[in-house]
């Protein structure tokens, strides 16, 4: 009998392109740059903690990023990373 912890879990995401996530990430990134923040550090902080205060409210970036679940944002980031390899 196999132990559940020995099995690989499957995580399924939608197959459709999530252009909204890409646009939001770009907008938030640019807004963070404009305000003088390190966008990578701020986005990582948000993704790890879920705390929206890592994202500036400049250009409604905080409101935009909260429109998406963090797993949607991570999915878009991983797709972009793998696509460029």
Protein backbone atom coordinates (compact mmCIF):
# COMPACT_ATOMS: atom_id res chain seq x y z
CA UNK A 1 0.00 0.00 0.00
CA UNK A 2 1.49 3.33 -1.03
CA UNK A 3 1.61 6.32 1.23
CA UNK A 4 -0.15 9.42 -0.11
CA UNK A 5 2.93 11.53 0.64
CA UNK A 6 4.93 9.34 -1.77
CA UNK A 7 2.71 10.27 -4.70
CA UNK A 8 3.15 13.27 -6.95
CA UNK A 9 0.26 15.69 -6.79
CA UNK A 10 -1.10 17.10 -10.05
CA UNK A 11 -1.81 20.81 -10.29
CA UNK A 12 -3.89 21.81 -13.28
CA UNK A 13 -4.25 25.30 -14.63
CA UNK A 14 -6.34 26.57 -17.49
CA UNK A 15 -4.92 26.08 -20.96
CA UNK A 16 -6.09 29.46 -22.20
CA UNK A 17 -3.66 32.33 -22.41
CA UNK A 18 -4.00 34.65 -19.45
CA UNK A 19 -3.22 37.94 -21.13
CA UNK A 20 -4.76 39.85 -18.21
CA UNK A 21 -2.12 38.48 -15.83
CA UNK A 22 0.70 39.47 -18.18
CA UNK A 23 -0.67 43.00 -18.53
CA UNK A 24 -1.13 43.36 -14.78
CA UNK A 25 2.38 42.12 -14.02
CA UNK A 26 3.85 44.55 -16.55
CA UNK A 27 1.81 47.47 -15.21
CA UNK A 28 2.71 46.70 -11.60
CA UNK A 29 6.38 46.25 -12.50
CA UNK A 30 6.47 49.62 -14.26
CA UNK A 31 4.62 51.35 -11.40
CA UNK A 32 7.09 49.97 -8.86
CA UNK A 33 10.01 51.19 -10.99
CA UNK A 34 8.46 54.64 -11.34
CA UNK A 35 8.22 54.94 -7.55
CA UNK A 36 11.86 53.88 -7.11
CA UNK A 37 11.26 50.37 -5.73
CA UNK A 38 13.04 47.21 -6.82
CA UNK A 39 10.14 45.53 -8.67
CA UNK A 40 11.52 42.01 -8.35
CA UNK A 41 11.94 42.25 -4.57
CA UNK A 42 8.51 43.80 -4.12
CA UNK A 43 6.74 41.24 -6.31
CA UNK A 44 8.49 38.35 -4.55
CA UNK A 45 7.49 39.81 -1.20
CA UNK A 46 3.89 40.01 -2.33
CA UNK A 47 3.84 36.52 -3.83
CA UNK A 48 5.35 34.93 -0.73
CA UNK A 49 3.31 36.80 1.86
CA UNK A 50 0.10 37.84 0.13
CA UNK A 51 0.54 41.25 1.76
CA UNK A 52 -0.60 43.88 -0.77
CA UNK A 53 1.45 46.60 0.95
CA UNK A 54 4.48 45.29 -0.97
CA UNK A 55 2.83 46.82 -4.05
CA UNK A 56 2.56 50.57 -4.55
CA UNK A 57 -0.82 52.18 -5.02
CA UNK A 58 0.72 54.34 -7.78
CA UNK A 59 -1.23 53.87 -11.05
CA UNK A 60 -3.66 51.62 -9.12
CA UNK A 61 -1.01 48.86 -9.14
CA UNK A 62 -2.14 47.49 -5.78
CA UNK A 63 -5.74 47.30 -6.92
CA UNK A 64 -4.75 45.64 -10.18
CA UNK A 65 -2.60 42.94 -8.64
CA UNK A 66 -5.34 42.04 -6.17
CA UNK A 67 -7.66 41.23 -9.11
CA UNK A 68 -5.71 38.01 -9.62
CA UNK A 69 -4.97 35.12 -7.33
CA UNK A 70 -1.31 34.66 -6.50
CA UNK A 71 -1.29 31.25 -8.21
CA UNK A 72 -2.41 32.94 -11.44
CA UNK A 73 0.47 35.38 -11.16
CA UNK A 74 2.95 32.58 -10.46
CA UNK A 75 1.61 30.61 -13.42
CA UNK A 76 2.17 33.57 -15.74
CA UNK A 77 5.68 34.15 -14.39
CA UNK A 78 6.67 30.50 -14.80
CA UNK A 79 5.26 30.39 -18.34
CA UNK A 80 7.22 33.50 -19.30
CA UNK A 81 10.41 32.14 -17.74
CA UNK A 82 10.17 28.76 -19.47
CA UNK A 83 9.17 30.34 -22.79
CA UNK A 84 12.35 32.43 -22.80
CA UNK A 85 14.63 29.43 -22.17
